[in-house]
Amino acid sequence: MNKSEIEEILPLYFDGNLSEKDKLKVEVWKESSDKNQKIFKESEKAWQGITLLQTMKKYDSEKALQQVNAKIERQNKNILTIIQKIAAILILPLIISTLYFALKKQDISAVKDDRLFTVTSPAGMRSEYILPDGTKVYLNSKTSLSFPATFSGNLRNVTLHGEAYFEVAENKKKPFIVNTGKINIEVTGTQFKASNYSNENLTEIVLVSGSINLFSGKYGKSKENIIRLKPGEKANYIVSQDRISIENVDVDKYISWKDGILMFRNDPMPQVVKRLNHWFNVDIKLTGNDLTDYVYTGTFEDESLNQILDLLKISAPIEYKIIKRHKKNDQTFSKMEIEIIQK
């Protein structure tokens, strides 16, 4: 029997609602290996926890408390004994629920789970997640992160498409690996930002604290170390040229987005437009050859797109116009288009 079949019929086996034929299948599968016996025992513990939880749900604590109060009125007992009995009744559901979750946690950690999960942050949105090892990750607009249900084995492998900020839970015995394509990241516990949007020709990695190792190939098999970054350094990998460069940067400019802050520091206009497109999920185009020579510095937190564009007009000889959105064949509307025009 394969894993999915076992997952489907084990609950029926523990509940006693399985045919004799299928019971025999479970017994044969269980006895076929030590690994299967371990999975069976841990699954049985989890099932017992569920049974206890169902008992807890059926338990009427209010009625039980009324019964204790009635007993207090009938019998003149030591007050300490009475309080202890009431406390026992009130705390029983907590004990049962604690036992259930403890058993469930044992079940999750003990059984290898190869399922992959993918979390996404839609266009124009930012999201925050906690991974199974306790690592906190912030996803920027149009970003997805894939990871296993449990980090079993010797590595903590995740795959990134888009832009994310990581606060990696420290574990020197189990490296945390971020797969971004040609360039991959190895850390044991640190904070950094990485981006690799599929429609762009750049993979960008900024180290905030600690150290990270950049490598190519598959970890443990075809791994080739490239360089180790220091805090405040940014690695730029140009995909089409297969070339990497390192520079020192103002880290805040690259990670402020996770706190809802859009920051520019002497950024050329094409870079400003690219970040605005990601931030607001719009399509801004530049018209005018000289616009690429303008640089912009500014910090925005609660400003709307129109307010930002109006502020851009103050610092550069530009105008902008919003192109009317149109309805597509699938009845959805096109992305907002804006044209920035050189005066």
C-alpha atoms as a PDB file:
ATOM      1  CA  MET A   1       0.000   0.000   0.000  1.00  0.00           C
ATOM      2  CA  ASN A   2       1.226   3.494  -0.776  1.00  0.00           C
ATOM      3  CA  LYS A   3       1.335   6.398   1.654  1.00  0.00           C
ATOM      4  CA  SER A   4      -1.862   8.093   0.458  1.00  0.00           C
ATOM      5  CA  GLU A   5      -3.894   4.867   0.788  1.00  0.00           C
ATOM      6  CA  ILE A   6      -2.633   4.368   4.348  1.00  0.00           C
ATOM      7  CA  GLU A   7      -3.499   7.958   5.261  1.00  0.00           C
ATOM      8  CA  GLU A   8      -7.046   7.359   4.047  1.00  0.00           C
ATOM      9  CA  ILE A   9      -7.798   4.113   5.876  1.00  0.00           C
ATOM     10  CA  LEU A  10      -5.815   4.412   9.154  1.00  0.00           C
ATOM     11  CA  PRO A  11      -8.522   6.611  10.783  1.00  0.00           C
ATOM     12  CA  LEU A  12     -11.152   3.973   9.889  1.00  0.00           C
ATOM     13  CA  TYR A  13      -8.895   1.247  11.299  1.00  0.00           C
ATOM     14  CA  PHE A  14      -8.522   3.027  14.651  1.00  0.00           C
ATOM     15  CA  ASP A  15     -12.252   3.788  14.715  1.00  0.00           C
ATOM     16  CA  GLY A  16     -13.154   0.112  14.098  1.00  0.00           C
ATOM     17  CA  ASN A  17     -15.028   0.841  10.863  1.00  0.00           C
ATOM     18  CA  LEU A  18     -12.819  -1.057   8.443  1.00  0.00           C
ATOM     19  CA  SER A  19     -13.607  -4.284   6.593  1.00  0.00           C
ATOM     20  CA  GLU A  20     -11.700  -7.442   7.511  1.00  0.00           C
ATOM     21  CA  LYS A  21      -9.984  -7.351   4.132  1.00  0.00           C
ATOM     22  CA  ASP A  22      -8.703  -3.810   4.649  1.00  0.00           C
ATOM     23  CA  LYS A  23      -7.763  -4.539   8.264  1.00  0.00           C
ATOM     24  CA  LEU A  24      -5.511  -7.294   6.963  1.00  0.00           C
ATOM     25  CA  LYS A  25      -3.930  -4.860   4.501  1.00  0.00           C
ATOM     26  CA  VAL A  26      -3.105  -2.483   7.348  1.00  0.00           C
ATOM     27  CA  GLU A  27      -1.623  -5.297   9.459  1.00  0.00           C
ATOM     28  CA  VAL A  28       0.539  -6.497   6.553  1.00  0.00           C
ATOM     29  CA  TRP A  29       1.722  -2.933   5.856  1.00  0.00           C
ATOM     30  CA  LYS A  30       2.479  -2.353   9.564  1.00  0.00           C
ATOM     31  CA  GLU A  31       4.573  -5.498   9.927  1.00  0.00           C
ATOM     32  CA  SER A  32       6.489  -4.979   6.679  1.00  0.00           C
ATOM     33  CA  SER A  33       9.088  -2.623   8.210  1.00  0.00           C
ATOM     34  CA  ASP A  34      10.213  -0.950  11.436  1.00  0.00           C
ATOM     35  CA  LYS A  35       9.516   2.420   9.834  1.00  0.00           C
ATOM     36  CA  ASN A  36       5.888   1.465   9.202  1.00  0.00           C
ATOM     37  CA  GLN A  37       5.497   0.253  12.785  1.00  0.00           C
ATOM     38  CA  LYS A  38       6.766   3.596  14.045  1.00  0.00           C
ATOM     39  CA  ILE A  39       4.354   5.502  11.789  1.00  0.00           C
ATOM     40  CA  PHE A  40       1.492   3.279  12.990  1.00  0.00           C
ATOM     41  CA  LYS A  41       2.280   3.863  16.681  1.00  0.00           C
ATOM     42  CA  GLU A  42       2.626   7.630  16.293  1.00  0.00           C
ATOM     43  CA  SER A  43      -0.584   7.781  14.259  1.00  0.00           C
ATOM     44  CA  GLU A  44      -2.364   5.793  16.964  1.00  0.00           C
ATOM     45  CA  LYS A  45      -1.177   8.312  19.590  1.00  0.00           C
ATOM     46  CA  ALA A  46      -2.545  11.173  17.500  1.00  0.00           C
ATOM     47  CA  TRP A  47      -5.862   9.332  17.097  1.00  0.00           C
ATOM     48  CA  GLN A  48      -6.104   8.829  20.854  1.00  0.00           C
ATOM     49  CA  GLY A  49      -5.536  12.559  21.260  1.00  0.00           C
ATOM     50  CA  ILE A  50      -8.408  13.274  18.875  1.00  0.00           C
ATOM     51  CA  THR A  51     -10.661  10.928  20.870  1.00  0.00           C
ATOM     52  CA  LEU A  52      -9.787  12.799  24.054  1.00  0.00           C
ATOM     53  CA  LEU A  53     -10.513  16.107  22.347  1.00  0.00           C
ATOM     54  CA  GLN A  54     -13.936  14.862  21.236  1.00  0.00           C
ATOM     55  CA  THR A  55     -14.604  13.828  24.831  1.00  0.00           C
ATOM     56  CA  MET A  56     -13.646  17.293  25.954  1.00  0.00           C
ATOM     57  CA  LYS A  57     -16.111  18.846  23.508  1.00  0.00           C
ATOM     58  CA  LYS A  58     -18.909  16.712  24.917  1.00  0.00           C
ATOM     59  CA  TYR A  59     -18.025  17.627  28.478  1.00  0.00           C
ATOM     60  CA  ASP A  60     -20.483  20.112  30.035  1.00  0.00           C
ATOM     61  CA  SER A  61     -18.295  22.021  32.504  1.00  0.00           C
ATOM     62  CA  GLU A  62     -21.153  24.326  33.572  1.00  0.00           C
ATOM     63  CA  LYS A  63     -23.370  21.380  34.519  1.00  0.00           C
ATOM     64  CA  ALA A  64     -20.502  19.726  36.361  1.00  0.00           C
ATOM     65  CA  LEU A  65     -19.861  22.895  38.340  1.00  0.00           C
ATOM     66  CA  GLN A  66     -23.555  23.052  39.329  1.00  0.00           C
ATOM     67  CA  GLN A  67     -23.332  19.470  40.607  1.00  0.00           C
ATOM     68  CA  VAL A  68     -20.293  20.341  42.719  1.00  0.00           C
ATOM     69  CA  ASN A  69     -22.060  23.395  44.151  1.00  0.00           C
ATOM     70  CA  ALA A  70     -25.069  21.260  45.083  1.00  0.00           C
ATOM     71  CA  LYS A  71     -22.786  18.813  46.816  1.00  0.00           C
ATOM     72  CA  ILE A  72     -21.188  21.673  48.743  1.00  0.00           C
ATOM     73  CA  GLU A  73     -24.594  22.691  50.079  1.00  0.00           C
ATOM     74  CA  ARG A  74     -25.424  19.146  51.185  1.00  0.00           C
ATOM     75  CA  GLN A  75     -22.131  18.377  52.871  1.00  0.00           C
ATOM     76  CA  ASN A  76     -20.113  20.476  55.275  1.00  0.00           C
ATOM     77  CA  LYS A  77     -16.594  19.560  54.193  1.00  0.00           C
ATOM     78  CA  ASN A  78     -13.242  21.149  54.570  1.00  0.00           C
ATOM     79  CA  ILE A  79     -13.189  24.214  52.307  1.00  0.00           C
ATOM     80  CA  LEU A  80      -9.760  23.386  50.901  1.00  0.00           C
ATOM     81  CA  THR A  81     -10.953  19.970  49.707  1.00  0.00           C
ATOM     82  CA  ILE A  82     -13.976  21.538  47.988  1.00  0.00           C
ATOM     83  CA  ILE A  83     -11.880  24.142  46.179  1.00  0.00           C
ATOM     84  CA  GLN A  84      -9.510  21.439  44.979  1.00  0.00           C
ATOM     85  CA  LYS A  85     -12.408  19.470  43.503  1.00  0.00           C
ATOM     86  CA  ILE A  86     -13.803  22.508  41.703  1.00  0.00           C
ATOM     87  CA  ALA A  87     -10.349  23.335  40.340  1.00  0.00           C
ATOM     88  CA  ALA A  88      -9.942  19.780  39.085  1.00  0.00           C
ATOM     89  CA  ILE A  89     -13.229  20.012  37.150  1.00  0.00           C
ATOM     90  CA  LEU A  90     -12.366  23.364  35.608  1.00  0.00           C
ATOM     91  CA  ILE A  91      -8.825  22.364  34.645  1.00  0.00           C
ATOM     92  CA  LEU A  92      -9.724  18.959  33.141  1.00  0.00           C
ATOM     93  CA  PRO A  93     -10.574  20.316  29.664  1.00  0.00           C
ATOM     94  CA  LEU A  94      -7.268  22.203  29.640  1.00  0.00           C
ATOM     95  CA  ILE A  95      -5.346  19.038  30.512  1.00  0.00           C
ATOM     96  CA  ILE A  96      -7.138  17.090  27.785  1.00  0.00           C
ATOM     97  CA  SER A  97      -6.535  19.747  25.130  1.00  0.00           C
ATOM     98  CA  THR A  98      -2.883  20.068  26.165  1.00  0.00           C
ATOM     99  CA  LEU A  99      -2.472  16.300  25.900  1.00  0.00           C
ATOM    100  CA  TYR A 100      -4.052  16.287  22.454  1.00  0.00           C
ATOM    101  CA  PHE A 101      -1.771  18.969  21.054  1.00  0.00           C
ATOM    102  CA  ALA A 102       1.287  17.373  22.674  1.00  0.00           C
ATOM    103  CA  LEU A 103       0.440  14.056  21.041  1.00  0.00           C
ATOM    104  CA  LYS A 104      -0.224  15.776  17.748  1.00  0.00           C
ATOM    105  CA  LYS A 105       3.121  17.579  17.929  1.00  0.00           C
ATOM    106  CA  GLN A 106       4.884  14.264  18.536  1.00  0.00           C
ATOM    107  CA  ASP A 107       3.100  12.816  15.530  1.00  0.00           C
ATOM    108  CA  ILE A 108       4.208  15.677  13.254  1.00  0.00           C
ATOM    109  CA  SER A 109       7.837  15.656  14.369  1.00  0.00           C
ATOM    110  CA  ALA A 110       8.267  11.898  14.406  1.00  0.00           C
ATOM    111  CA  VAL A 111       6.855  11.078  10.956  1.00  0.00           C
ATOM    112  CA  LYS A 112       8.698  12.270   7.891  1.00  0.00           C
ATOM    113  CA  ASP A 113       6.361  14.354   5.766  1.00  0.00           C
ATOM    114  CA  ASP A 114       7.528  14.986   2.208  1.00  0.00           C
ATOM    115  CA  ARG A 115       4.565  17.158   1.225  1.00  0.00           C
ATOM    116  CA  LEU A 116       5.471  20.568  -0.171  1.00  0.00           C
ATOM    117  CA  PHE A 117       3.517  23.698   0.673  1.00  0.00           C
ATOM    118  CA  THR A 118       3.562  26.955  -1.261  1.00  0.00           C
ATOM    119  CA  VAL A 119       2.563  30.293   0.248  1.00  0.00           C
ATOM    120  CA  THR A 120       2.049  33.329  -1.949  1.00  0.00           C
ATOM    121  CA  SER A 121       1.703  37.075  -1.628  1.00  0.00           C
ATOM    122  CA  PRO A 122      -0.627  38.484  -4.322  1.00  0.00           C
ATOM    123  CA  ALA A 123       0.240  41.447  -6.522  1.00  0.00           C
ATOM    124  CA  GLY A 124       0.245  44.697  -4.559  1.00  0.00           C
ATOM    125  CA  MET A 125       0.249  42.874  -1.188  1.00  0.00           C
ATOM    126  CA  ARG A 126       2.837  41.894   1.438  1.00  0.00           C
ATOM    127  CA  SER A 127       2.563  38.843   3.725  1.00  0.00           C
ATOM    128  CA  GLU A 128       4.272  37.336   6.758  1.00  0.00           C
ATOM    129  CA  TYR A 129       4.682  33.621   7.594  1.00  0.00           C
ATOM    130  CA  ILE A 130       6.359  31.389  10.169  1.00  0.00           C
ATOM    131  CA  LEU A 131       8.040  28.286   8.719  1.00  0.00           C
ATOM    132  CA  PRO A 132       8.093  24.869  10.487  1.00  0.00           C
ATOM    133  CA  ASP A 133      11.511  25.568  12.075  1.00  0.00           C
ATOM    134  CA  GLY A 134      10.439  28.944  13.485  1.00  0.00           C
ATOM    135  CA  THR A 135      12.009  31.021  10.711  1.00  0.00           C
ATOM    136  CA  LYS A 136      10.040  34.197  10.004  1.00  0.00           C
ATOM    137  CA  VAL A 137       9.673  35.224   6.388  1.00  0.00           C
ATOM    138  CA  TYR A 138       8.154  38.338   4.810  1.00  0.00           C
ATOM    139  CA  LEU A 139       6.932  38.026   1.223  1.00  0.00           C
ATOM    140  CA  ASN A 140       6.760  41.059  -1.040  1.00  0.00           C
ATOM    141  CA  SER A 141       4.255  41.573  -3.857  1.00  0.00           C
ATOM    142  CA  LYS A 142       3.867  38.730  -6.422  1.00  0.00           C
ATOM    143  CA  THR A 143       6.071  36.328  -4.437  1.00  0.00           C
ATOM    144  CA  SER A 144       5.788  32.609  -3.680  1.00  0.00           C
ATOM    145  CA  LEU A 145       7.775  30.403  -1.286  1.00  0.00           C
ATOM    146  CA  SER A 146       7.742  26.591  -1.324  1.00  0.00           C
ATOM    147  CA  PHE A 147       8.811  24.507   1.688  1.00  0.00           C
ATOM    148  CA  PRO A 148       8.186  21.012   3.173  1.00  0.00           C
ATOM    149  CA  ALA A 149       5.673  20.302   5.925  1.00  0.00           C
ATOM    150  CA  THR A 150       8.592  19.368   8.184  1.00  0.00           C
ATOM    151  CA  PHE A 151      12.313  20.022   7.780  1.00  0.00           C
ATOM    152  CA  SER A 152      13.434  16.402   8.065  1.00  0.00           C
ATOM    153  CA  GLY A 153      16.936  15.289   7.149  1.00  0.00           C
ATOM    154  CA  ASN A 154      20.056  17.441   7.356  1.00  0.00           C
ATOM    155  CA  LEU A 155      18.839  20.543   5.487  1.00  0.00           C
ATOM    156  CA  ARG A 156      16.076  23.152   5.593  1.00  0.00           C
ATOM    157  CA  ASN A 157      15.300  23.653   1.913  1.00  0.00           C
ATOM    158  CA  VAL A 158      12.984  26.358   0.531  1.00  0.00           C
ATOM    159  CA  THR A 159      12.449  27.709  -2.987  1.00  0.00           C
ATOM    160  CA  LEU A 160      11.825  31.395  -3.660  1.00  0.00           C
ATOM    161  CA  HIS A 161      10.164  33.104  -6.624  1.00  0.00           C
ATOM    162  CA  GLY A 162       9.944  36.856  -6.088  1.00  0.00           C
ATOM    163  CA  GLU A 163      11.243  38.864  -3.137  1.00  0.00           C
ATOM    164  CA  ALA A 164      11.427  37.877   0.537  1.00  0.00           C
ATOM    165  CA  TYR A 165      13.069  38.913   3.784  1.00  0.00           C
ATOM    166  CA  PHE A 166      14.215  36.071   6.058  1.00  0.00           C
ATOM    167  CA  GLU A 167      14.845  35.966   9.803  1.00  0.00           C
ATOM    168  CA  VAL A 168      16.295  32.461   9.961  1.00  0.00           C
ATOM    169  CA  ALA A 169      15.985  30.444  13.173  1.00  0.00           C
ATOM    170  CA  GLU A 170      19.510  29.421  14.211  1.00  0.00           C
ATOM    171  CA  ASN A 171      20.463  25.779  13.791  1.00  0.00           C
ATOM    172  CA  LYS A 172      24.154  25.252  13.040  1.00  0.00           C
ATOM    173  CA  LYS A 173      23.638  21.525  12.511  1.00  0.00           C
ATOM    174  CA  LYS A 174      20.954  21.997   9.853  1.00  0.00           C
ATOM    175  CA  PRO A 175      21.726  24.693   7.245  1.00  0.00           C
ATOM    176  CA  PHE A 176      18.880  26.762   5.801  1.00  0.00           C
ATOM    177  CA  ILE A 177      19.009  26.731   1.984  1.00  0.00           C
ATOM    178  CA  VAL A 178      17.176  29.221  -0.238  1.00  0.00           C
ATOM    179  CA  ASN A 179      16.999  28.087  -3.858  1.00  0.00           C
ATOM    180  CA  THR A 180      16.700  31.086  -6.176  1.00  0.00           C
ATOM    181  CA  GLY A 181      17.789  29.470  -9.455  1.00  0.00           C
ATOM    182  CA  LYS A 182      21.400  29.742 -10.585  1.00  0.00           C
ATOM    183  CA  ILE A 183      22.531  31.342  -7.306  1.00  0.00           C
ATOM    184  CA  ASN A 184      21.550  29.684  -4.023  1.00  0.00           C
ATOM    185  CA  ILE A 185      21.938  30.773  -0.401  1.00  0.00           C
ATOM    186  CA  GLU A 186      23.261  28.826   2.609  1.00  0.00           C
ATOM    187  CA  VAL A 187      22.801  30.135   6.173  1.00  0.00           C
ATOM    188  CA  THR A 188      22.501  28.708   9.678  1.00  0.00           C
ATOM    189  CA  GLY A 189      20.816  31.679  11.365  1.00  0.00           C
ATOM    190  CA  THR A 190      20.788  35.267  10.124  1.00  0.00           C
ATOM    191  CA  GLN A 191      18.732  38.028   8.462  1.00  0.00           C
ATOM    192  CA  PHE A 192      18.807  38.826   4.758  1.00  0.00           C
ATOM    193  CA  LYS A 193      16.759  39.829   1.731  1.00  0.00           C
ATOM    194  CA  ALA A 194      16.644  37.978  -1.584  1.00  0.00           C
ATOM    195  CA  SER A 195      14.797  38.638  -4.829  1.00  0.00           C
ATOM    196  CA  ASN A 196      14.617  36.771  -8.161  1.00  0.00           C
ATOM    197  CA  TYR A 197      11.497  37.807 -10.078  1.00  0.00           C
ATOM    198  CA  SER A 198      11.141  35.599 -13.158  1.00  0.00           C
ATOM    199  CA  ASN A 199      10.491  38.567 -15.484  1.00  0.00           C
ATOM    200  CA  GLU A 200      13.702  40.322 -14.434  1.00  0.00           C
ATOM    201  CA  ASN A 201      17.325  39.695 -15.377  1.00  0.00           C
ATOM    202  CA  LEU A 202      18.624  40.067 -11.829  1.00  0.00           C
ATOM    203  CA  THR A 203      18.952  38.040  -8.647  1.00  0.00           C
ATOM    204  CA  GLU A 204      19.626  40.343  -5.699  1.00  0.00           C
ATOM    205  CA  ILE A 205      20.754  39.350  -2.186  1.00  0.00           C
ATOM    206  CA  VAL A 206      21.298  41.819   0.683  1.00  0.00           C
ATOM    207  CA  LEU A 207      22.787  40.684   4.006  1.00  0.00           C
ATOM    208  CA  VAL A 208      21.579  42.446   7.156  1.00  0.00           C
ATOM    209  CA  SER A 209      23.378  40.483   9.902  1.00  0.00           C
ATOM    210  CA  GLY A 210      25.455  37.352  10.363  1.00  0.00           C
ATOM    211  CA  SER A 211      26.926  35.785   7.236  1.00  0.00           C
ATOM    212  CA  ILE A 212      25.648  33.859   4.240  1.00  0.00           C
ATOM    213  CA  ASN A 213      27.347  31.668   1.696  1.00  0.00           C
ATOM    214  CA  LEU A 214      26.365  31.934  -1.972  1.00  0.00           C
ATOM    215  CA  PHE A 215      26.789  28.818  -4.086  1.00  0.00           C
ATOM    216  CA  SER A 216      25.709  27.260  -7.352  1.00  0.00           C
ATOM    217  CA  GLY A 217      24.590  23.708  -8.046  1.00  0.00           C
ATOM    218  CA  LYS A 218      22.855  21.309  -5.684  1.00  0.00           C
ATOM    219  CA  TYR A 219      23.869  21.324  -2.024  1.00  0.00           C
ATOM    220  CA  GLY A 220      25.903  18.234  -1.100  1.00  0.00           C
ATOM    221  CA  LYS A 221      26.212  16.992  -4.709  1.00  0.00           C
ATOM    222  CA  SER A 222      27.265  19.563  -7.295  1.00  0.00           C
ATOM    223  CA  LYS A 223      27.726  22.497  -4.912  1.00  0.00           C
ATOM    224  CA  GLU A 224      30.296  25.131  -5.897  1.00  0.00           C
ATOM    225  CA  ASN A 225      30.908  27.935  -3.409  1.00  0.00           C
ATOM    226  CA  ILE A 226      30.918  31.420  -4.946  1.00  0.00           C
ATOM    227  CA  ILE A 227      31.380  33.975  -2.170  1.00  0.00           C
ATOM    228  CA  ARG A 228      30.548  34.669   1.479  1.00  0.00           C
ATOM    229  CA  LEU A 229      28.722  37.952   2.111  1.00  0.00           C
ATOM    230  CA  LYS A 230      29.328  40.337   5.017  1.00  0.00           C
ATOM    231  CA  PRO A 231      26.648  42.503   6.680  1.00  0.00           C
ATOM    232  CA  GLY A 232      25.827  45.545   4.541  1.00  0.00           C
ATOM    233  CA  GLU A 233      26.871  43.855   1.292  1.00  0.00           C
ATOM    234  CA  LYS A 234      24.630  43.261  -1.712  1.00  0.00           C
ATOM    235  CA  ALA A 235      25.205  40.603  -4.344  1.00  0.00           C
ATOM    236  CA  ASN A 236      23.916  41.292  -7.860  1.00  0.00           C
ATOM    237  CA  TYR A 237      23.747  38.326 -10.203  1.00  0.00           C
ATOM    238  CA  ILE A 238      22.957  39.233 -13.827  1.00  0.00           C
ATOM    239  CA  VAL A 239      21.309  36.134 -15.237  1.00  0.00           C
ATOM    240  CA  SER A 240      21.901  36.761 -18.960  1.00  0.00           C
ATOM    241  CA  GLN A 241      25.612  37.433 -18.405  1.00  0.00           C
ATOM    242  CA  ASP A 242      26.150  34.780 -15.715  1.00  0.00           C
ATOM    243  CA  ARG A 243      28.054  37.435 -13.764  1.00  0.00           C
ATOM    244  CA  ILE A 244      28.010  38.400 -10.074  1.00  0.00           C
ATOM    245  CA  SER A 245      29.142  41.636  -8.419  1.00  0.00           C
ATOM    246  CA  ILE A 246      29.306  42.753  -4.779  1.00  0.00           C
ATOM    247  CA  GLU A 247      28.752  46.253  -3.385  1.00  0.00           C
ATOM    248  CA  ASN A 248      28.219  47.952  -0.013  1.00  0.00           C
ATOM    249  CA  VAL A 249      24.730  49.437   0.355  1.00  0.00           C
ATOM    250  CA  ASP A 250      22.339  51.222   2.708  1.00  0.00           C
ATOM    251  CA  VAL A 251      20.533  48.113   3.972  1.00  0.00           C
ATOM    252  CA  ASP A 252      17.394  49.963   5.124  1.00  0.00           C
ATOM    253  CA  LYS A 253      16.588  50.961   1.568  1.00  0.00           C
ATOM    254  CA  TYR A 254      16.305  47.298   0.545  1.00  0.00           C
ATOM    255  CA  ILE A 255      14.361  45.914   3.515  1.00  0.00           C
ATOM    256  CA  SER A 256      12.044  48.788   4.539  1.00  0.00           C
ATOM    257  CA  TRP A 257       9.245  47.334   2.394  1.00  0.00           C
ATOM    258  CA  LYS A 258       8.636  44.607   4.989  1.00  0.00           C
ATOM    259  CA  ASP A 259       7.488  47.349   7.399  1.00  0.00           C
ATOM    260  CA  GLY A 260       5.273  48.993   4.790  1.00  0.00           C
ATOM    261  CA  ILE A 261       7.817  51.718   3.922  1.00  0.00           C
ATOM    262  CA  LEU A 262       8.865  52.553   0.363  1.00  0.00           C
ATOM    263  CA  MET A 263      12.350  54.110   0.380  1.00  0.00           C
ATOM    264  CA  PHE A 264      14.397  55.593  -2.460  1.00  0.00           C
ATOM    265  CA  ARG A 265      17.991  56.777  -2.109  1.00  0.00           C
ATOM    266  CA  ASN A 266      19.460  58.358  -5.265  1.00  0.00           C
ATOM    267  CA  ASP A 267      17.690  55.764  -7.386  1.00  0.00           C
ATOM    268  CA  PRO A 268      17.493  56.260 -11.167  1.00  0.00           C
ATOM    269  CA  MET A 269      13.983  56.811 -12.528  1.00  0.00           C
ATOM    270  CA  PRO A 270      13.686  53.347 -14.179  1.00  0.00           C
ATOM    271  CA  GLN A 271      14.422  51.741 -10.786  1.00  0.00           C
ATOM    272  CA  VAL A 272      11.838  54.002  -9.096  1.00  0.00           C
ATOM    273  CA  VAL A 273       9.231  52.997 -11.682  1.00  0.00           C
ATOM    274  CA  LYS A 274      10.025  49.282 -11.289  1.00  0.00           C
ATOM    275  CA  ARG A 275       9.502  49.415  -7.528  1.00  0.00           C
ATOM    276  CA  LEU A 276       6.298  51.445  -7.859  1.00  0.00           C
ATOM    277  CA  ASN A 277       4.958  48.850 -10.294  1.00  0.00           C
ATOM    278  CA  HIS A 278       5.581  46.079  -7.744  1.00  0.00           C
ATOM    279  CA  TRP A 279       4.266  48.109  -4.821  1.00  0.00           C
ATOM    280  CA  PHE A 280       0.964  49.229  -6.342  1.00  0.00           C
ATOM    281  CA  ASN A 281       0.514  46.481  -8.979  1.00  0.00           C
ATOM    282  CA  VAL A 282       0.396  49.001 -11.830  1.00  0.00           C
ATOM    283  CA  ASP A 283       2.130  49.375 -15.190  1.00  0.00           C
ATOM    284  CA  ILE A 284       4.098  52.640 -15.375  1.00  0.00           C
ATOM    285  CA  LYS A 285       5.970  53.508 -18.559  1.00  0.00           C
ATOM    286  CA  LEU A 286       8.561  56.239 -19.133  1.00  0.00           C
ATOM    287  CA  THR A 287       8.384  58.413 -22.247  1.00  0.00           C
ATOM    288  CA  GLY A 288      11.473  60.527 -22.903  1.00  0.00           C
ATOM    289  CA  ASN A 289      15.123  59.538 -23.286  1.00  0.00           C
ATOM    290  CA  ASP A 290      16.449  61.947 -20.651  1.00  0.00           C
ATOM    291  CA  LEU A 291      14.252  60.520 -17.863  1.00  0.00           C
ATOM    292  CA  THR A 292      16.690  57.668 -17.285  1.00  0.00           C
ATOM    293  CA  ASP A 293      19.273  60.231 -16.106  1.00  0.00           C
ATOM    294  CA  TYR A 294      17.139  61.531 -13.233  1.00  0.00           C
ATOM    295  CA  VAL A 295      17.644  60.137  -9.723  1.00  0.00           C
ATOM    296  CA  TYR A 296      15.212  60.337  -6.849  1.00  0.00           C
ATOM    297  CA  THR A 297      15.385  60.287  -3.032  1.00  0.00           C
ATOM    298  CA  GLY A 298      12.303  59.966  -0.854  1.00  0.00           C
ATOM    299  CA  THR A 299      10.535  57.890   1.802  1.00  0.00           C
ATOM    300  CA  PHE A 300       6.832  56.974   1.678  1.00  0.00           C
ATOM    301  CA  GLU A 301       4.672  55.104   4.154  1.00  0.00           C
ATOM    302  CA  ASP A 302       0.966  55.952   3.818  1.00  0.00           C
ATOM    303  CA  GLU A 303       0.987  57.971   0.600  1.00  0.00           C
ATOM    304  CA  SER A 304      -1.186  56.939  -2.338  1.00  0.00           C
ATOM    305  CA  LEU A 305       0.223  56.373  -5.826  1.00  0.00           C
ATOM    306  CA  ASN A 306      -1.166  59.725  -6.995  1.00  0.00           C
ATOM    307  CA  GLN A 307       0.506  61.528  -4.091  1.00  0.00           C
ATOM    308  CA  ILE A 308       3.857  59.915  -4.905  1.00  0.00           C
ATOM    309  CA  LEU A 309       3.543  60.823  -8.577  1.00  0.00           C
ATOM    310  CA  ASP A 310       2.700  64.429  -7.652  1.00  0.00           C
ATOM    311  CA  LEU A 311       5.831  64.573  -5.486  1.00  0.00           C
ATOM    312  CA  LEU A 312       7.887  63.195  -8.361  1.00  0.00           C
ATOM    313  CA  LYS A 313       6.643  66.075 -10.507  1.00  0.00           C
ATOM    314  CA  ILE A 314       8.153  68.535  -8.031  1.00  0.00           C
ATOM    315  CA  SER A 315      11.647  67.057  -8.281  1.00  0.00           C
ATOM    316  CA  ALA A 316      11.753  66.305 -12.015  1.00  0.00           C
ATOM    317  CA  PRO A 317      10.406  67.936 -15.205  1.00  0.00           C
ATOM    318  CA  ILE A 318       7.670  65.381 -15.784  1.00  0.00           C
ATOM    319  CA  GLU A 319       3.940  65.021 -16.242  1.00  0.00           C
ATOM    320  CA  TYR A 320       1.898  61.869 -15.960  1.00  0.00           C
ATOM    321  CA  LYS A 321      -1.392  60.613 -17.287  1.00  0.00           C
ATOM    322  CA  ILE A 322      -3.510  57.654 -16.221  1.00  0.00           C
ATOM    323  CA  ILE A 323      -4.741  55.487 -19.081  1.00  0.00           C
ATOM    324  CA  LYS A 324      -8.333  54.295 -18.739  1.00  0.00           C
ATOM    325  CA  ARG A 325      -8.622  50.628 -17.764  1.00  0.00           C
ATOM    326  CA  HIS A 326     -10.499  48.310 -20.120  1.00  0.00           C
ATOM    327  CA  LYS A 327     -12.488  45.137 -19.545  1.00  0.00           C
ATOM    328  CA  LYS A 328     -10.848  41.962 -20.835  1.00  0.00           C
ATOM    329  CA  ASN A 329     -12.525  38.928 -22.413  1.00  0.00           C
ATOM    330  CA  ASP A 330     -12.657  37.118 -19.055  1.00  0.00           C
ATOM    331  CA  GLN A 331     -14.644  40.081 -17.640  1.00  0.00           C
ATOM    332  CA  THR A 332     -11.774  41.246 -15.445  1.00  0.00           C
ATOM    333  CA  PHE A 333     -10.220  44.686 -15.822  1.00  0.00           C
ATOM    334  CA  SER A 334      -6.736  45.387 -17.118  1.00  0.00           C
ATOM    335  CA  LYS A 335      -3.977  46.597 -14.805  1.00  0.00           C
ATOM    336  CA  MET A 336      -3.837  50.360 -14.292  1.00  0.00           C
ATOM    337  CA  GLU A 337      -1.488  51.940 -16.840  1.00  0.00           C
ATOM    338  CA  ILE A 338       0.336  55.217 -16.233  1.00  0.00           C
ATOM    339  CA  GLU A 339       2.570  57.120 -18.596  1.00  0.00           C
ATOM    340  CA  ILE A 340       5.264  59.414 -17.195  1.00  0.00           C
ATOM    341  CA  ILE A 341       6.147  61.990 -19.811  1.00  0.00           C
ATOM    342  CA  GLN A 342       9.219  64.204 -19.997  1.00  0.00           C
ATOM    343  CA  LYS A 343       8.361  67.904 -20.271  1.00  0.00           C
END
